[in-house]
Amino acid sequence: MIIIPGVIHQESWYMTTRILGDYLMATSESGYNNDDLRIKWLAHFERFSAKSQAGVYRLLLLDGFSSHCTKQFLNYCDQYKIIVFCVPPHSSHLLQPLDVVVFQPYKHYHVEAVERATHPGCGNFHKSEFLDSIDTIRQQTFKPSTVRSAFRATGLIL
């Protein structure tokens, strides 16, 4: 989910970008997640993860932040057979695959995108430039080999 600070979506954010239709876009006044957005994200996760589901259940790893695990969130997970596993508090830097391996290259490719966009004299990297770059950044970052490496580095798989 991409959360953009604001109250409403602006058509101009999407008119000049190559962002794909399977991205979940949201706005919040603070630019941060909230209970309503978490449920929308969970529905998006359920819909897209169901396409490649192998068994009856799916596993969702969370950082254990208490606001992630509201009654509504957990009830939704029960209904759709999503097992929620929260890593112990203050250990995500050791156990969470995204924190341990994936976010470093993600930040690297984001910086590269900002530099490419601003090098020719653009000067700013606004929402539209970000949205135009996000799919490329994600494709460079979330390679199967990187994700497998992240799970190995945390000891979640051998």
C-alpha atoms as a PDB file:
ATOM      1  CA  MET A   1       0.000   0.000   0.000  1.00  0.00           C
ATOM      2  CA  ILE A   2       1.263   3.410  -0.888  1.00  0.00           C
ATOM      3  CA  ILE A   3      -0.049   5.991   1.556  1.00  0.00           C
ATOM      4  CA  ILE A   4       0.157   9.572   0.380  1.00  0.00           C
ATOM      5  CA  PRO A   5      -0.360  12.430   2.830  1.00  0.00           C
ATOM      6  CA  GLY A   6      -3.615  14.152   1.986  1.00  0.00           C
ATOM      7  CA  VAL A   7      -7.362  13.886   2.110  1.00  0.00           C
ATOM      8  CA  ILE A   8      -8.238  13.017  -1.496  1.00  0.00           C
ATOM      9  CA  HIS A   9      -6.418  11.505  -4.471  1.00  0.00           C
ATOM     10  CA  GLN A  10      -5.402  13.997  -7.123  1.00  0.00           C
ATOM     11  CA  GLU A  11      -5.856  12.882 -10.720  1.00  0.00           C
ATOM     12  CA  SER A  12      -2.577  14.607 -11.596  1.00  0.00           C
ATOM     13  CA  TRP A  13      -0.694  12.100  -9.399  1.00  0.00           C
ATOM     14  CA  TYR A  14      -1.542   9.341 -11.859  1.00  0.00           C
ATOM     15  CA  MET A  15      -1.911  10.999 -15.272  1.00  0.00           C
ATOM     16  CA  THR A  16       1.783  11.072 -16.149  1.00  0.00           C
ATOM     17  CA  THR A  17       2.901   7.923 -14.339  1.00  0.00           C
ATOM     18  CA  ARG A  18       3.320   4.300 -15.321  1.00  0.00           C
ATOM     19  CA  ILE A  19       1.959   2.952 -12.035  1.00  0.00           C
ATOM     20  CA  LEU A  20       0.184  -0.362 -12.467  1.00  0.00           C
ATOM     21  CA  GLY A  21      -3.444  -0.980 -11.591  1.00  0.00           C
ATOM     22  CA  ASP A  22      -2.645  -3.614  -8.962  1.00  0.00           C
ATOM     23  CA  TYR A  23      -1.111  -1.105  -6.550  1.00  0.00           C
ATOM     24  CA  LEU A  24      -3.205  -0.199  -3.549  1.00  0.00           C
ATOM     25  CA  MET A  25      -3.209   3.567  -3.167  1.00  0.00           C
ATOM     26  CA  ALA A  26      -4.518   5.459  -0.153  1.00  0.00           C
ATOM     27  CA  THR A  27      -4.418   8.860   1.458  1.00  0.00           C
ATOM     28  CA  SER A  28      -4.405   9.811   5.097  1.00  0.00           C
ATOM     29  CA  GLU A  29      -4.116  13.243   6.603  1.00  0.00           C
ATOM     30  CA  SER A  30      -0.975  12.226   8.478  1.00  0.00           C
ATOM     31  CA  GLY A  31       0.510  10.125   5.677  1.00  0.00           C
ATOM     32  CA  TYR A  32       0.620   7.186   8.091  1.00  0.00           C
ATOM     33  CA  ASN A  33      -1.338   3.971   8.383  1.00  0.00           C
ATOM     34  CA  ASN A  34      -4.522   3.762  10.460  1.00  0.00           C
ATOM     35  CA  ASP A  35      -7.132   1.119  11.328  1.00  0.00           C
ATOM     36  CA  ASP A  36      -9.237   1.722   8.197  1.00  0.00           C
ATOM     37  CA  LEU A  37      -6.232   1.580   5.879  1.00  0.00           C
ATOM     38  CA  ARG A  38      -4.929  -1.566   7.594  1.00  0.00           C
ATOM     39  CA  ILE A  39      -8.184  -3.387   6.781  1.00  0.00           C
ATOM     40  CA  LYS A  40      -8.053  -2.165   3.172  1.00  0.00           C
ATOM     41  CA  TRP A  41      -4.460  -3.409   2.939  1.00  0.00           C
ATOM     42  CA  LEU A  42      -5.451  -6.749   4.476  1.00  0.00           C
ATOM     43  CA  ALA A  43      -8.237  -7.184   1.903  1.00  0.00           C
ATOM     44  CA  HIS A  44      -5.698  -6.384  -0.834  1.00  0.00           C
ATOM     45  CA  PHE A  45      -3.245  -8.898   0.677  1.00  0.00           C
ATOM     46  CA  GLU A  46      -5.993 -11.533   0.860  1.00  0.00           C
ATOM     47  CA  ARG A  47      -7.069 -11.018  -2.741  1.00  0.00           C
ATOM     48  CA  PHE A  48      -3.561 -11.109  -4.222  1.00  0.00           C
ATOM     49  CA  SER A  49      -2.039 -13.792  -1.996  1.00  0.00           C
ATOM     50  CA  ALA A  50      -5.007 -16.095  -2.673  1.00  0.00           C
ATOM     51  CA  LYS A  51      -3.886 -16.281  -6.322  1.00  0.00           C
ATOM     52  CA  SER A  52      -0.752 -18.223  -5.389  1.00  0.00           C
ATOM     53  CA  GLN A  53      -2.011 -19.961  -2.262  1.00  0.00           C
ATOM     54  CA  ALA A  54      -0.799 -23.551  -2.071  1.00  0.00           C
ATOM     55  CA  GLY A  55      -2.557 -24.833   1.057  1.00  0.00           C
ATOM     56  CA  VAL A  56      -5.566 -23.956   3.156  1.00  0.00           C
ATOM     57  CA  TYR A  57      -3.797 -21.268   5.199  1.00  0.00           C
ATOM     58  CA  ARG A  58      -1.523 -18.328   4.478  1.00  0.00           C
ATOM     59  CA  LEU A  59       1.084 -16.892   6.830  1.00  0.00           C
ATOM     60  CA  LEU A  60       1.334 -13.171   7.483  1.00  0.00           C
ATOM     61  CA  LEU A  61       4.425 -11.989   9.353  1.00  0.00           C
ATOM     62  CA  LEU A  62       4.059  -8.754  11.295  1.00  0.00           C
ATOM     63  CA  ASP A  63       6.406  -6.711  13.424  1.00  0.00           C
ATOM     64  CA  GLY A  64       4.174  -7.074  16.475  1.00  0.00           C
ATOM     65  CA  PHE A  65       3.239  -3.409  16.705  1.00  0.00           C
ATOM     66  CA  SER A  66       0.039  -3.550  18.753  1.00  0.00           C
ATOM     67  CA  SER A  67      -2.071  -1.443  16.392  1.00  0.00           C
ATOM     68  CA  HIS A  68      -1.620  -4.046  13.655  1.00  0.00           C
ATOM     69  CA  CYS A  69      -3.529  -6.638  15.652  1.00  0.00           C
ATOM     70  CA  THR A  70      -6.919  -5.096  16.286  1.00  0.00           C
ATOM     71  CA  LYS A  71      -9.947  -7.332  16.843  1.00  0.00           C
ATOM     72  CA  GLN A  72     -11.302  -6.403  13.404  1.00  0.00           C
ATOM     73  CA  PHE A  73      -7.934  -7.229  11.776  1.00  0.00           C
ATOM     74  CA  LEU A  74      -7.665 -10.611  13.526  1.00  0.00           C
ATOM     75  CA  ASN A  75     -11.297 -11.495  12.785  1.00  0.00           C
ATOM     76  CA  TYR A  76     -10.687 -10.792   9.105  1.00  0.00           C
ATOM     77  CA  CYS A  77      -7.615 -13.046   9.200  1.00  0.00           C
ATOM     78  CA  ASP A  78      -9.609 -15.841  10.847  1.00  0.00           C
ATOM     79  CA  GLN A  79     -12.349 -15.539   8.236  1.00  0.00           C
ATOM     80  CA  TYR A  80      -9.860 -15.871   5.346  1.00  0.00           C
ATOM     81  CA  LYS A  81      -7.575 -18.444   7.013  1.00  0.00           C
ATOM     82  CA  ILE A  82      -4.625 -16.096   7.371  1.00  0.00           C
ATOM     83  CA  ILE A  83      -2.315 -17.009  10.230  1.00  0.00           C
ATOM     84  CA  VAL A  84      -0.806 -13.920  11.833  1.00  0.00           C
ATOM     85  CA  PHE A  85       2.656 -14.362  13.304  1.00  0.00           C
ATOM     86  CA  CYS A  86       4.120 -11.403  15.151  1.00  0.00           C
ATOM     87  CA  VAL A  87       7.839 -11.291  15.784  1.00  0.00           C
ATOM     88  CA  PRO A  88       8.696 -10.406  19.386  1.00  0.00           C
ATOM     89  CA  PRO A  89       8.795  -6.677  20.207  1.00  0.00           C
ATOM     90  CA  HIS A  90      12.065  -4.856  19.536  1.00  0.00           C
ATOM     91  CA  SER A  91      13.434  -7.760  17.486  1.00  0.00           C
ATOM     92  CA  SER A  92      12.353  -6.880  13.958  1.00  0.00           C
ATOM     93  CA  HIS A  93      15.901  -5.708  13.191  1.00  0.00           C
ATOM     94  CA  LEU A  94      16.918  -9.353  13.758  1.00  0.00           C
ATOM     95  CA  LEU A  95      13.891 -11.373  12.673  1.00  0.00           C
ATOM     96  CA  GLN A  96      11.922  -9.429  10.098  1.00  0.00           C
ATOM     97  CA  PRO A  97      13.104 -10.315   6.579  1.00  0.00           C
ATOM     98  CA  LEU A  98      12.295  -6.892   5.136  1.00  0.00           C
ATOM     99  CA  ASP A  99      14.257  -5.046   7.831  1.00  0.00           C
ATOM    100  CA  VAL A 100      17.234  -7.393   7.724  1.00  0.00           C
ATOM    101  CA  VAL A 101      17.862  -7.644   3.965  1.00  0.00           C
ATOM    102  CA  VAL A 102      15.275  -6.061   1.681  1.00  0.00           C
ATOM    103  CA  PHE A 103      14.997  -2.437   2.808  1.00  0.00           C
ATOM    104  CA  GLN A 104      18.666  -1.662   2.169  1.00  0.00           C
ATOM    105  CA  PRO A 105      18.463  -2.309  -1.598  1.00  0.00           C
ATOM    106  CA  TYR A 106      15.008  -0.680  -1.657  1.00  0.00           C
ATOM    107  CA  LYS A 107      16.494   2.526  -0.240  1.00  0.00           C
ATOM    108  CA  HIS A 108      19.410   2.274  -2.667  1.00  0.00           C
ATOM    109  CA  TYR A 109      17.160   2.025  -5.735  1.00  0.00           C
ATOM    110  CA  HIS A 110      14.933   4.815  -4.404  1.00  0.00           C
ATOM    111  CA  VAL A 111      17.962   7.110  -4.079  1.00  0.00           C
ATOM    112  CA  GLU A 112      18.995   6.190  -7.628  1.00  0.00           C
ATOM    113  CA  ALA A 113      15.503   7.081  -8.904  1.00  0.00           C
ATOM    114  CA  VAL A 114      15.595  10.429  -7.104  1.00  0.00           C
ATOM    115  CA  GLU A 115      19.033  11.169  -8.549  1.00  0.00           C
ATOM    116  CA  ARG A 116      17.917  10.238 -12.091  1.00  0.00           C
ATOM    117  CA  ALA A 117      14.843  12.435 -11.805  1.00  0.00           C
ATOM    118  CA  THR A 118      16.618  15.433 -10.326  1.00  0.00           C
ATOM    119  CA  HIS A 119      19.932  15.232 -12.217  1.00  0.00           C
ATOM    120  CA  PRO A 120      18.631  16.769 -15.456  1.00  0.00           C
ATOM    121  CA  GLY A 121      17.566  19.870 -13.535  1.00  0.00           C
ATOM    122  CA  CYS A 122      14.138  18.814 -12.332  1.00  0.00           C
ATOM    123  CA  GLY A 123      15.118  19.832  -8.821  1.00  0.00           C
ATOM    124  CA  ASN A 124      12.196  18.130  -7.089  1.00  0.00           C
ATOM    125  CA  PHE A 125      10.977  14.592  -6.639  1.00  0.00           C
ATOM    126  CA  HIS A 126       7.232  14.986  -6.209  1.00  0.00           C
ATOM    127  CA  LYS A 127       4.451  12.421  -5.853  1.00  0.00           C
ATOM    128  CA  SER A 128       4.137  11.950  -9.607  1.00  0.00           C
ATOM    129  CA  GLU A 129       7.875  11.234  -9.998  1.00  0.00           C
ATOM    130  CA  PHE A 130       7.724   8.807  -7.076  1.00  0.00           C
ATOM    131  CA  LEU A 131       4.671   7.022  -8.460  1.00  0.00           C
ATOM    132  CA  ASP A 132       6.301   6.822 -11.875  1.00  0.00           C
ATOM    133  CA  SER A 133       9.408   5.206 -10.334  1.00  0.00           C
ATOM    134  CA  ILE A 134       7.904   2.900  -7.709  1.00  0.00           C
ATOM    135  CA  ASP A 135       7.308  -0.114  -9.947  1.00  0.00           C
ATOM    136  CA  THR A 136      10.896  -0.084 -11.227  1.00  0.00           C
ATOM    137  CA  ILE A 137      12.206   0.302  -7.667  1.00  0.00           C
ATOM    138  CA  ARG A 138      10.107  -2.648  -6.494  1.00  0.00           C
ATOM    139  CA  GLN A 139      11.119  -4.864  -9.449  1.00  0.00           C
ATOM    140  CA  GLN A 140      14.789  -4.186  -8.739  1.00  0.00           C
ATOM    141  CA  THR A 141      14.335  -4.863  -5.017  1.00  0.00           C
ATOM    142  CA  PHE A 142      11.851  -7.702  -4.581  1.00  0.00           C
ATOM    143  CA  LYS A 143      13.597 -10.354  -6.638  1.00  0.00           C
ATOM    144  CA  PRO A 144      12.984 -13.959  -5.542  1.00  0.00           C
ATOM    145  CA  SER A 145      16.674 -14.344  -4.711  1.00  0.00           C
ATOM    146  CA  THR A 146      16.591 -11.257  -2.442  1.00  0.00           C
ATOM    147  CA  VAL A 147      13.480 -12.444  -0.627  1.00  0.00           C
ATOM    148  CA  ARG A 148      14.907 -15.954  -0.117  1.00  0.00           C
ATOM    149  CA  SER A 149      18.139 -14.404   1.156  1.00  0.00           C
ATOM    150  CA  ALA A 150      16.148 -12.292   3.627  1.00  0.00           C
ATOM    151  CA  PHE A 151      14.378 -15.334   5.080  1.00  0.00           C
ATOM    152  CA  ARG A 152      17.675 -17.216   5.323  1.00  0.00           C
ATOM    153  CA  ALA A 153      19.394 -14.259   7.027  1.00  0.00           C
ATOM    154  CA  THR A 154      16.708 -14.155   9.716  1.00  0.00           C
ATOM    155  CA  GLY A 155      16.799 -17.909  10.258  1.00  0.00           C
ATOM    156  CA  LEU A 156      13.123 -18.245   9.310  1.00  0.00           C
ATOM    157  CA  ILE A 157      14.110 -20.789   6.653  1.00  0.00           C
ATOM    158  CA  LEU A 158      17.300 -22.743   6.094  1.00  0.00           C
END
